[in-house]
PDB file of N, CA and C in Angstrom:
ATOM      1  N   MET A   1       0.829  -1.249   0.015  1.00  0.00           N
ATOM      2  CA  MET A   1       0.107  -0.056   0.158  1.00  0.00           C
ATOM      3  C   MET A   1       0.953   1.188  -0.004  1.00  0.00           C
ATOM      4  N   ALA A   2       0.601   2.127  -0.911  1.00  0.00           N
ATOM      5  CA  ALA A   2       1.477   3.407  -1.059  1.00  0.00           C
ATOM      6  C   ALA A   2       0.927   4.354   0.273  1.00  0.00           C
ATOM      7  N   SER A   3       2.141   5.002   0.680  1.00  0.00           N
ATOM      8  CA  SER A   3       1.902   5.992   1.671  1.00  0.00           C
ATOM      9  C   SER A   3       1.055   7.260   1.042  1.00  0.00           C
ATOM     10  N   ASN A   4       0.197   7.815   1.919  1.00  0.00           N
ATOM     11  CA  ASN A   4      -0.419   9.065   1.509  1.00  0.00           C
ATOM     12  C   ASN A   4      -0.303   9.935   2.503  1.00  0.00           C
ATOM     13  N   LEU A   5       0.964  10.446   2.826  1.00  0.00           N
ATOM     14  CA  LEU A   5       1.227  11.420   3.803  1.00  0.00           C
ATOM     15  C   LEU A   5       0.935  12.757   3.380  1.00  0.00           C
ATOM     16  N   VAL A   6       0.348  13.470   4.292  1.00  0.00           N
ATOM     17  CA  VAL A   6      -0.250  14.763   4.063  1.00  0.00           C
ATOM     18  C   VAL A   6      -0.020  15.871   5.275  1.00  0.00           C
ATOM     19  N   LYS A   7      -0.140  17.086   4.898  1.00  0.00           N
ATOM     20  CA  LYS A   7      -0.179  18.106   6.130  1.00  0.00           C
ATOM     21  C   LYS A   7      -1.365  18.834   5.899  1.00  0.00           C
ATOM     22  N   ALA A   8      -1.981  19.169   7.031  1.00  0.00           N
ATOM     23  CA  ALA A   8      -3.390  19.978   6.924  1.00  0.00           C
ATOM     24  C   ALA A   8      -3.282  20.921   8.084  1.00  0.00           C
ATOM     25  N   GLU A   9      -3.922  22.121   7.825  1.00  0.00           N
ATOM     26  CA  GLU A   9      -4.161  23.174   8.778  1.00  0.00           C
ATOM     27  C   GLU A   9      -5.685  23.289   8.959  1.00  0.00           C
ATOM     28  N   ILE A  10      -6.203  22.993  10.127  1.00  0.00           N
ATOM     29  CA  ILE A  10      -7.628  23.003  10.438  1.00  0.00           C
ATOM     30  C   ILE A  10      -7.887  24.179  11.371  1.00  0.00           C
ATOM     31  N   ALA A  11      -8.818  25.106  10.926  1.00  0.00           N
ATOM     32  CA  ALA A  11      -9.172  26.138  11.781  1.00  0.00           C
ATOM     33  C   ALA A  11     -10.660  26.029  12.084  1.00  0.00           C
ATOM     34  N   VAL A  12     -11.042  26.236  13.351  1.00  0.00           N
ATOM     35  CA  VAL A  12     -12.378  26.172  13.827  1.00  0.00           C
ATOM     36  C   VAL A  12     -12.764  27.472  14.572  1.00  0.00           C
ATOM     37  N   SER A  13     -14.037  27.838  14.478  1.00  0.00           N
ATOM     38  CA  SER A  13     -14.500  29.017  15.193  1.00  0.00           C
ATOM     39  C   SER A  13     -15.735  28.626  15.940  1.00  0.00           C
ATOM     40  N   GLY A  14     -16.256  29.437  16.897  1.00  0.00           N
ATOM     41  CA  GLY A  14     -17.474  29.170  17.746  1.00  0.00           C
ATOM     42  C   GLY A  14     -16.960  29.244  19.108  1.00  0.00           C
ATOM     43  N   LEU A  15     -17.703  28.420  19.928  1.00  0.00           N
ATOM     44  CA  LEU A  15     -17.305  28.336  21.386  1.00  0.00           C
ATOM     45  C   LEU A  15     -16.026  27.362  21.461  1.00  0.00           C
ATOM     46  N   VAL A  16     -14.931  27.719  21.256  1.00  0.00           N
ATOM     47  CA  VAL A  16     -13.724  26.811  21.124  1.00  0.00           C
ATOM     48  C   VAL A  16     -12.649  27.011  21.947  1.00  0.00           C
ATOM     49  N   GLN A  17     -12.741  28.323  22.733  1.00  0.00           N
ATOM     50  CA  GLN A  17     -11.683  28.539  23.769  1.00  0.00           C
ATOM     51  C   GLN A  17     -12.296  28.645  25.031  1.00  0.00           C
ATOM     52  N   GLY A  18     -11.483  28.185  25.966  1.00  0.00           N
ATOM     53  CA  GLY A  18     -11.964  28.100  27.544  1.00  0.00           C
ATOM     54  C   GLY A  18     -12.830  26.786  27.710  1.00  0.00           C
ATOM     55  N   VAL A  19     -12.840  25.818  26.841  1.00  0.00           N
ATOM     56  CA  VAL A  19     -13.810  24.653  26.995  1.00  0.00           C
ATOM     57  C   VAL A  19     -12.854  23.481  26.817  1.00  0.00           C
ATOM     58  N   GLY A  20     -11.694  23.436  26.915  1.00  0.00           N
ATOM     59  CA  GLY A  20     -10.769  22.167  26.830  1.00  0.00           C
ATOM     60  C   GLY A  20     -10.564  21.761  25.401  1.00  0.00           C
ATOM     61  N   PHE A  21     -10.853  22.629  24.341  1.00  0.00           N
ATOM     62  CA  PHE A  21     -10.743  22.201  23.016  1.00  0.00           C
ATOM     63  C   PHE A  21      -9.402  21.827  22.632  1.00  0.00           C
ATOM     64  N   ARG A  22      -8.285  22.530  22.973  1.00  0.00           N
ATOM     65  CA  ARG A  22      -6.776  22.128  22.476  1.00  0.00           C
ATOM     66  C   ARG A  22      -6.630  20.846  23.272  1.00  0.00           C
ATOM     67  N   TYR A  23      -6.934  20.512  24.460  1.00  0.00           N
ATOM     68  CA  TYR A  23      -6.563  19.363  25.174  1.00  0.00           C
ATOM     69  C   TYR A  23      -7.197  18.244  24.484  1.00  0.00           C
ATOM     70  N   PHE A  24      -8.606  18.396  24.101  1.00  0.00           N
ATOM     71  CA  PHE A  24      -9.370  17.399  23.367  1.00  0.00           C
ATOM     72  C   PHE A  24      -8.614  17.024  22.019  1.00  0.00           C
ATOM     73  N   VAL A  25      -8.234  18.107  21.287  1.00  0.00           N
ATOM     74  CA  VAL A  25      -7.496  17.697  20.078  1.00  0.00           C
ATOM     75  C   VAL A  25      -6.296  16.970  20.217  1.00  0.00           C
ATOM     76  N   TYR A  26      -5.393  17.581  21.224  1.00  0.00           N
ATOM     77  CA  TYR A  26      -4.195  16.922  21.630  1.00  0.00           C
ATOM     78  C   TYR A  26      -4.278  15.360  21.917  1.00  0.00           C
ATOM     79  N   SER A  27      -5.448  15.158  22.677  1.00  0.00           N
ATOM     80  CA  SER A  27      -5.673  13.710  23.100  1.00  0.00           C
ATOM     81  C   SER A  27      -6.078  12.967  21.899  1.00  0.00           C
ATOM     82  N   LYS A  28      -6.936  13.446  21.012  1.00  0.00           N
ATOM     83  CA  LYS A  28      -7.163  12.592  19.844  1.00  0.00           C
ATOM     84  C   LYS A  28      -6.068  12.378  18.968  1.00  0.00           C
ATOM     85  N   ALA A  29      -5.116  13.482  18.754  1.00  0.00           N
ATOM     86  CA  ALA A  29      -4.192  13.306  17.753  1.00  0.00           C
ATOM     87  C   ALA A  29      -3.205  12.367  18.324  1.00  0.00           C
ATOM     88  N   GLN A  30      -2.976  12.482  19.695  1.00  0.00           N
ATOM     89  CA  GLN A  30      -2.006  11.453  20.365  1.00  0.00           C
ATOM     90  C   GLN A  30      -2.555   9.973  20.212  1.00  0.00           C
ATOM     91  N   ASN A  31      -3.764   9.831  20.347  1.00  0.00           N
ATOM     92  CA  ASN A  31      -4.364   8.428  20.277  1.00  0.00           C
ATOM     93  C   ASN A  31      -4.278   7.860  18.889  1.00  0.00           C
ATOM     94  N   ILE A  32      -4.472   8.778  17.947  1.00  0.00           N
ATOM     95  CA  ILE A  32      -4.413   8.444  16.365  1.00  0.00           C
ATOM     96  C   ILE A  32      -2.926   8.232  15.866  1.00  0.00           C
ATOM     97  N   GLY A  33      -2.118   8.877  16.509  1.00  0.00           N
ATOM     98  CA  GLY A  33      -0.669   8.838  16.117  1.00  0.00           C
ATOM     99  C   GLY A  33      -0.233   9.933  15.052  1.00  0.00           C
ATOM    100  N   LEU A  34      -0.719  11.061  15.348  1.00  0.00           N
ATOM    101  CA  LEU A  34      -0.508  12.143  14.455  1.00  0.00           C
ATOM    102  C   LEU A  34       0.419  13.133  15.087  1.00  0.00           C
ATOM    103  N   TYR A  35       1.202  14.038  14.227  1.00  0.00           N
ATOM    104  CA  TYR A  35       2.188  15.016  14.782  1.00  0.00           C
ATOM    105  C   TYR A  35       1.835  16.331  14.188  1.00  0.00           C
ATOM    106  N   GLY A  36       2.052  17.253  15.196  1.00  0.00           N
ATOM    107  CA  GLY A  36       1.884  18.749  14.858  1.00  0.00           C
ATOM    108  C   GLY A  36       1.557  19.480  16.178  1.00  0.00           C
ATOM    109  N   TYR A  37       0.584  20.446  16.082  1.00  0.00           N
ATOM    110  CA  TYR A  37       0.195  21.249  17.086  1.00  0.00           C
ATOM    111  C   TYR A  37      -0.974  21.861  17.152  1.00  0.00           C
ATOM    112  N   THR A  38      -1.643  22.286  18.168  1.00  0.00           N
ATOM    113  CA  THR A  38      -2.860  23.011  18.284  1.00  0.00           C
ATOM    114  C   THR A  38      -2.708  24.207  19.009  1.00  0.00           C
ATOM    115  N   LYS A  39      -3.264  25.383  18.730  1.00  0.00           N
ATOM    116  CA  LYS A  39      -3.091  26.639  19.511  1.00  0.00           C
ATOM    117  C   LYS A  39      -4.388  27.502  19.364  1.00  0.00           C
ATOM    118  N   ASN A  40      -4.498  28.391  20.393  1.00  0.00           N
ATOM    119  CA  ASN A  40      -5.650  29.304  20.216  1.00  0.00           C
ATOM    120  C   ASN A  40      -5.054  30.498  19.558  1.00  0.00           C
ATOM    121  N   LEU A  41      -6.012  31.209  18.813  1.00  0.00           N
ATOM    122  CA  LEU A  41      -5.653  32.360  18.008  1.00  0.00           C
ATOM    123  C   LEU A  41      -6.270  33.660  18.603  1.00  0.00           C
ATOM    124  N   PHE A  42      -5.742  34.737  18.519  1.00  0.00           N
ATOM    125  CA  PHE A  42      -6.388  35.886  19.112  1.00  0.00           C
ATOM    126  C   PHE A  42      -7.594  36.342  18.653  1.00  0.00           C
ATOM    127  N   THR A  43      -8.092  35.662  17.449  1.00  0.00           N
ATOM    128  CA  THR A  43      -9.347  36.058  16.928  1.00  0.00           C
ATOM    129  C   THR A  43     -10.471  35.180  17.526  1.00  0.00           C
ATOM    130  N   GLY A  44     -10.131  34.226  18.488  1.00  0.00           N
ATOM    131  CA  GLY A  44     -11.013  33.412  19.269  1.00  0.00           C
ATOM    132  C   GLY A  44     -11.247  32.037  18.530  1.00  0.00           C
ATOM    133  N   GLU A  45     -10.371  31.761  17.334  1.00  0.00           N
ATOM    134  CA  GLU A  45     -10.380  30.533  16.641  1.00  0.00           C
ATOM    135  C   GLU A  45      -9.317  29.534  17.302  1.00  0.00           C
ATOM    136  N   VAL A  46      -9.489  28.248  17.120  1.00  0.00           N
ATOM    137  CA  VAL A  46      -8.430  27.438  17.401  1.00  0.00           C
ATOM    138  C   VAL A  46      -7.852  26.881  16.177  1.00  0.00           C
ATOM    139  N   VAL A  47      -6.503  26.769  15.934  1.00  0.00           N
ATOM    140  CA  VAL A  47      -5.921  26.238  14.676  1.00  0.00           C
ATOM    141  C   VAL A  47      -5.142  25.116  15.044  1.00  0.00           C
ATOM    142  N   THR A  48      -5.157  23.991  14.204  1.00  0.00           N
ATOM    143  CA  THR A  48      -4.534  22.743  14.379  1.00  0.00           C
ATOM    144  C   THR A  48      -3.695  22.535  12.942  1.00  0.00           C
ATOM    145  N   VAL A  49      -2.377  22.291  13.164  1.00  0.00           N
ATOM    146  CA  VAL A  49      -1.645  21.889  12.051  1.00  0.00           C
ATOM    147  C   VAL A  49      -1.047  20.419  12.256  1.00  0.00           C
ATOM    148  N   VAL A  50      -1.366  19.578  11.381  1.00  0.00           N
ATOM    149  CA  VAL A  50      -0.987  18.158  11.590  1.00  0.00           C
ATOM    150  C   VAL A  50      -0.498  17.612  10.471  1.00  0.00           C
ATOM    151  N   GLU A  51       0.399  16.485  10.695  1.00  0.00           N
ATOM    152  CA  GLU A  51       0.930  15.656   9.683  1.00  0.00           C
ATOM    153  C   GLU A  51       0.731  14.253   9.894  1.00  0.00           C
ATOM    154  N   GLY A  52       0.434  13.371   8.754  1.00  0.00           N
ATOM    155  CA  GLY A  52       0.323  12.119   8.990  1.00  0.00           C
ATOM    156  C   GLY A  52      -0.395  11.388   7.663  1.00  0.00           C
ATOM    157  N   GLU A  53      -0.833  10.147   7.888  1.00  0.00           N
ATOM    158  CA  GLU A  53      -1.507   9.508   6.875  1.00  0.00           C
ATOM    159  C   GLU A  53      -2.843  10.241   6.587  1.00  0.00           C
ATOM    160  N   ARG A  54      -3.268  10.537   5.355  1.00  0.00           N
ATOM    161  CA  ARG A  54      -4.336  11.238   5.086  1.00  0.00           C
ATOM    162  C   ARG A  54      -5.616  10.738   5.833  1.00  0.00           C
ATOM    163  N   TYR A  55      -5.949   9.499   5.884  1.00  0.00           N
ATOM    164  CA  TYR A  55      -6.963   8.912   6.501  1.00  0.00           C
ATOM    165  C   TYR A  55      -7.134   9.210   7.940  1.00  0.00           C
ATOM    166  N   LEU A  56      -6.042   9.158   8.561  1.00  0.00           N
ATOM    167  CA  LEU A  56      -5.846   9.424   9.944  1.00  0.00           C
ATOM    168  C   LEU A  56      -6.040  11.123  10.205  1.00  0.00           C
ATOM    169  N   VAL A  57      -5.637  11.995   9.312  1.00  0.00           N
ATOM    170  CA  VAL A  57      -5.825  13.223   9.569  1.00  0.00           C
ATOM    171  C   VAL A  57      -7.307  13.589   9.258  1.00  0.00           C
ATOM    172  N   GLU A  58      -7.888  12.867   8.218  1.00  0.00           N
ATOM    173  CA  GLU A  58      -9.445  13.061   8.084  1.00  0.00           C
ATOM    174  C   GLU A  58     -10.172  12.621   9.488  1.00  0.00           C
ATOM    175  N   GLU A  59      -9.732  11.545  10.029  1.00  0.00           N
ATOM    176  CA  GLU A  59     -10.316  11.129  11.300  1.00  0.00           C
ATOM    177  C   GLU A  59     -10.358  12.121  12.392  1.00  0.00           C
ATOM    178  N   LEU A  60      -9.080  12.775  12.505  1.00  0.00           N
ATOM    179  CA  LEU A  60      -8.894  13.919  13.417  1.00  0.00           C
ATOM    180  C   LEU A  60      -9.896  15.085  13.130  1.00  0.00           C
ATOM    181  N   ILE A  61      -9.992  15.364  11.815  1.00  0.00           N
ATOM    182  CA  ILE A  61     -10.766  16.479  11.399  1.00  0.00           C
ATOM    183  C   ILE A  61     -12.185  16.072  11.785  1.00  0.00           C
ATOM    184  N   ASP A  62     -12.691  14.904  11.644  1.00  0.00           N
ATOM    185  CA  ASP A  62     -14.014  14.503  12.065  1.00  0.00           C
ATOM    186  C   ASP A  62     -14.352  14.780  13.497  1.00  0.00           C
ATOM    187  N   TYR A  63     -13.242  14.516  14.288  1.00  0.00           N
ATOM    188  CA  TYR A  63     -13.465  14.775  15.817  1.00  0.00           C
ATOM    189  C   TYR A  63     -13.367  16.236  16.006  1.00  0.00           C
ATOM    190  N   ILE A  64     -12.433  17.016  15.401  1.00  0.00           N
ATOM    191  CA  ILE A  64     -12.453  18.401  15.465  1.00  0.00           C
ATOM    192  C   ILE A  64     -13.727  19.301  15.228  1.00  0.00           C
ATOM    193  N   LYS A  65     -14.395  18.712  14.135  1.00  0.00           N
ATOM    194  CA  LYS A  65     -15.723  19.266  13.603  1.00  0.00           C
ATOM    195  C   LYS A  65     -16.852  19.242  14.786  1.00  0.00           C
ATOM    196  N   ILE A  66     -16.729  18.209  15.596  1.00  0.00           N
ATOM    197  CA  ILE A  66     -17.696  18.072  16.759  1.00  0.00           C
ATOM    198  C   ILE A  66     -17.143  18.720  18.155  1.00  0.00           C
ATOM    199  N   GLY A  67     -15.833  18.504  18.513  1.00  0.00           N
ATOM    200  CA  GLY A  67     -15.270  19.060  19.658  1.00  0.00           C
ATOM    201  C   GLY A  67     -15.723  18.445  20.889  1.00  0.00           C
ATOM    202  N   PRO A  68     -15.008  18.781  21.899  1.00  0.00           N
ATOM    203  CA  PRO A  68     -15.466  18.287  23.344  1.00  0.00           C
ATOM    204  C   PRO A  68     -17.025  18.769  23.644  1.00  0.00           C
ATOM    205  N   SER A  69     -17.480  18.080  24.714  1.00  0.00           N
ATOM    206  CA  SER A  69     -18.964  18.366  25.020  1.00  0.00           C
ATOM    207  C   SER A  69     -19.207  19.870  25.321  1.00  0.00           C
ATOM    208  N   ARG A  70     -18.360  20.540  25.812  1.00  0.00           N
ATOM    209  CA  ARG A  70     -18.570  21.857  26.371  1.00  0.00           C
ATOM    210  C   ARG A  70     -18.445  22.948  25.247  1.00  0.00           C
ATOM    211  N   SER A  71     -18.040  22.511  24.124  1.00  0.00           N
ATOM    212  CA  SER A  71     -17.677  23.370  22.961  1.00  0.00           C
ATOM    213  C   SER A  71     -18.776  23.522  22.030  1.00  0.00           C
ATOM    214  N   HIS A  72     -18.789  24.493  21.152  1.00  0.00           N
ATOM    215  CA  HIS A  72     -19.817  24.582  19.995  1.00  0.00           C
ATOM    216  C   HIS A  72     -18.999  24.891  18.759  1.00  0.00           C
ATOM    217  N   VAL A  73     -18.669  24.160  17.743  1.00  0.00           N
ATOM    218  CA  VAL A  73     -18.128  24.459  16.457  1.00  0.00           C
ATOM    219  C   VAL A  73     -19.045  25.097  15.575  1.00  0.00           C
ATOM    220  N   LYS A  74     -18.940  26.450  15.303  1.00  0.00           N
ATOM    221  CA  LYS A  74     -19.705  27.066  14.393  1.00  0.00           C
ATOM    222  C   LYS A  74     -19.287  26.812  12.893  1.00  0.00           C
ATOM    223  N   SER A  75     -17.977  26.865  12.721  1.00  0.00           N
ATOM    224  CA  SER A  75     -17.596  26.640  11.392  1.00  0.00           C
ATOM    225  C   SER A  75     -16.073  26.083  11.415  1.00  0.00           C
ATOM    226  N   HIS A  76     -15.718  25.406  10.378  1.00  0.00           N
ATOM    227  CA  HIS A  76     -14.316  24.978  10.198  1.00  0.00           C
ATOM    228  C   HIS A  76     -13.835  25.183   8.828  1.00  0.00           C
ATOM    229  N   SER A  77     -12.365  25.109   8.628  1.00  0.00           N
ATOM    230  CA  SER A  77     -11.907  25.084   7.288  1.00  0.00           C
ATOM    231  C   SER A  77     -10.623  24.306   7.380  1.00  0.00           C
ATOM    232  N   VAL A  78     -10.382  23.732   6.182  1.00  0.00           N
ATOM    233  CA  VAL A  78      -9.145  22.812   6.105  1.00  0.00           C
ATOM    234  C   VAL A  78      -8.420  23.192   4.990  1.00  0.00           C
ATOM    235  N   ASN A  79      -7.046  23.376   5.127  1.00  0.00           N
ATOM    236  CA  ASN A  79      -6.155  23.614   4.008  1.00  0.00           C
ATOM    237  C   ASN A  79      -5.237  22.550   3.968  1.00  0.00           C
ATOM    238  N   TRP A  80      -5.072  21.919   2.963  1.00  0.00           N
ATOM    239  CA  TRP A  80      -4.053  20.761   2.654  1.00  0.00           C
ATOM    240  C   TRP A  80      -2.764  21.169   2.098  1.00  0.00           C
ATOM    241  N   PHE A  81      -1.796  20.612   2.482  1.00  0.00           N
ATOM    242  CA  PHE A  81      -0.337  20.855   2.066  1.00  0.00           C
ATOM    243  C   PHE A  81       0.414  19.469   1.711  1.00  0.00           C
ATOM    244  N   GLU A  82       1.616  19.746   1.151  1.00  0.00           N
ATOM    245  CA  GLU A  82       2.411  18.802   1.033  1.00  0.00           C
ATOM    246  C   GLU A  82       3.048  18.271   2.228  1.00  0.00           C
ATOM    247  N   PHE A  83       3.261  17.022   2.408  1.00  0.00           N
ATOM    248  CA  PHE A  83       3.882  16.501   3.725  1.00  0.00           C
ATOM    249  C   PHE A  83       5.408  16.889   3.792  1.00  0.00           C
ATOM    250  N   ARG A  84       5.729  17.436   4.895  1.00  0.00           N
ATOM    251  CA  ARG A  84       7.149  17.970   4.964  1.00  0.00           C
ATOM    252  C   ARG A  84       8.027  17.340   6.127  1.00  0.00           C
ATOM    253  N   ASN A  85       7.301  16.465   6.878  1.00  0.00           N
ATOM    254  CA  ASN A  85       7.938  15.733   8.090  1.00  0.00           C
ATOM    255  C   ASN A  85       8.424  16.728   8.946  1.00  0.00           C
ATOM    256  N   GLU A  86       7.829  17.775   9.402  1.00  0.00           N
ATOM    257  CA  GLU A  86       8.188  18.844  10.229  1.00  0.00           C
ATOM    258  C   GLU A  86       8.216  18.621  11.747  1.00  0.00           C
ATOM    259  N   PHE A  87       7.362  17.512  12.127  1.00  0.00           N
ATOM    260  CA  PHE A  87       6.933  17.419  13.570  1.00  0.00           C
ATOM    261  C   PHE A  87       7.376  16.042  14.020  1.00  0.00           C
ATOM    262  N   THR A  88       7.822  15.858  15.298  1.00  0.00           N
ATOM    263  CA  THR A  88       8.148  14.592  15.769  1.00  0.00           C
ATOM    264  C   THR A  88       7.184  14.395  17.113  1.00  0.00           C
ATOM    265  N   VAL A  89       6.428  15.331  17.463  1.00  0.00           N
ATOM    266  CA  VAL A  89       5.384  15.099  18.581  1.00  0.00           C
ATOM    267  C   VAL A  89       4.154  15.803  18.143  1.00  0.00           C
ATOM    268  N   PHE A  90       3.115  15.689  18.947  1.00  0.00           N
ATOM    269  CA  PHE A  90       1.961  16.525  18.829  1.00  0.00           C
ATOM    270  C   PHE A  90       1.939  17.336  20.174  1.00  0.00           C
ATOM    271  N   GLU A  91       1.701  18.690  20.075  1.00  0.00           N
ATOM    272  CA  GLU A  91       1.710  19.495  21.296  1.00  0.00           C
ATOM    273  C   GLU A  91       0.668  20.665  21.278  1.00  0.00           C
ATOM    274  N   ILE A  92       0.455  21.120  22.462  1.00  0.00           N
ATOM    275  CA  ILE A  92      -0.426  22.280  22.617  1.00  0.00           C
ATOM    276  C   ILE A  92       0.407  23.569  22.751  1.00  0.00           C
ATOM    277  N   ILE A  93       0.275  24.474  21.946  1.00  0.00           N
ATOM    278  CA  ILE A  93       1.202  25.764  21.951  1.00  0.00           C
ATOM    279  C   ILE A  93       0.307  26.793  22.669  1.00  0.00           C
ATOM    280  N   ASN A  94       0.794  27.482  23.616  1.00  0.00           N
ATOM    281  CA  ASN A  94       0.043  28.519  24.281  1.00  0.00           C
ATOM    282  C   ASN A  94       0.157  29.828  23.590  1.00  0.00           C
TER     283      ASN A  94
END
């Protein structure tokens, strides 16, 4: 099976800060085995940059679109990029 490695940037807006959203994304990405980071933006959005197999990234996107129970994702966007092997861990950036 050919490798289908990708990089994606996922941005979400809505009630996504102060509700454990970044920890939720961190936990899911760790469990799936993806690398990258998630962080709050001053605009009130949360952005996640992730690398890995496309099907795993798509699985994470499905989780992100829902978010943790206290959150409310109003909208999301995904930008796809060429895999660069930039990350060795998944982390929360403050």
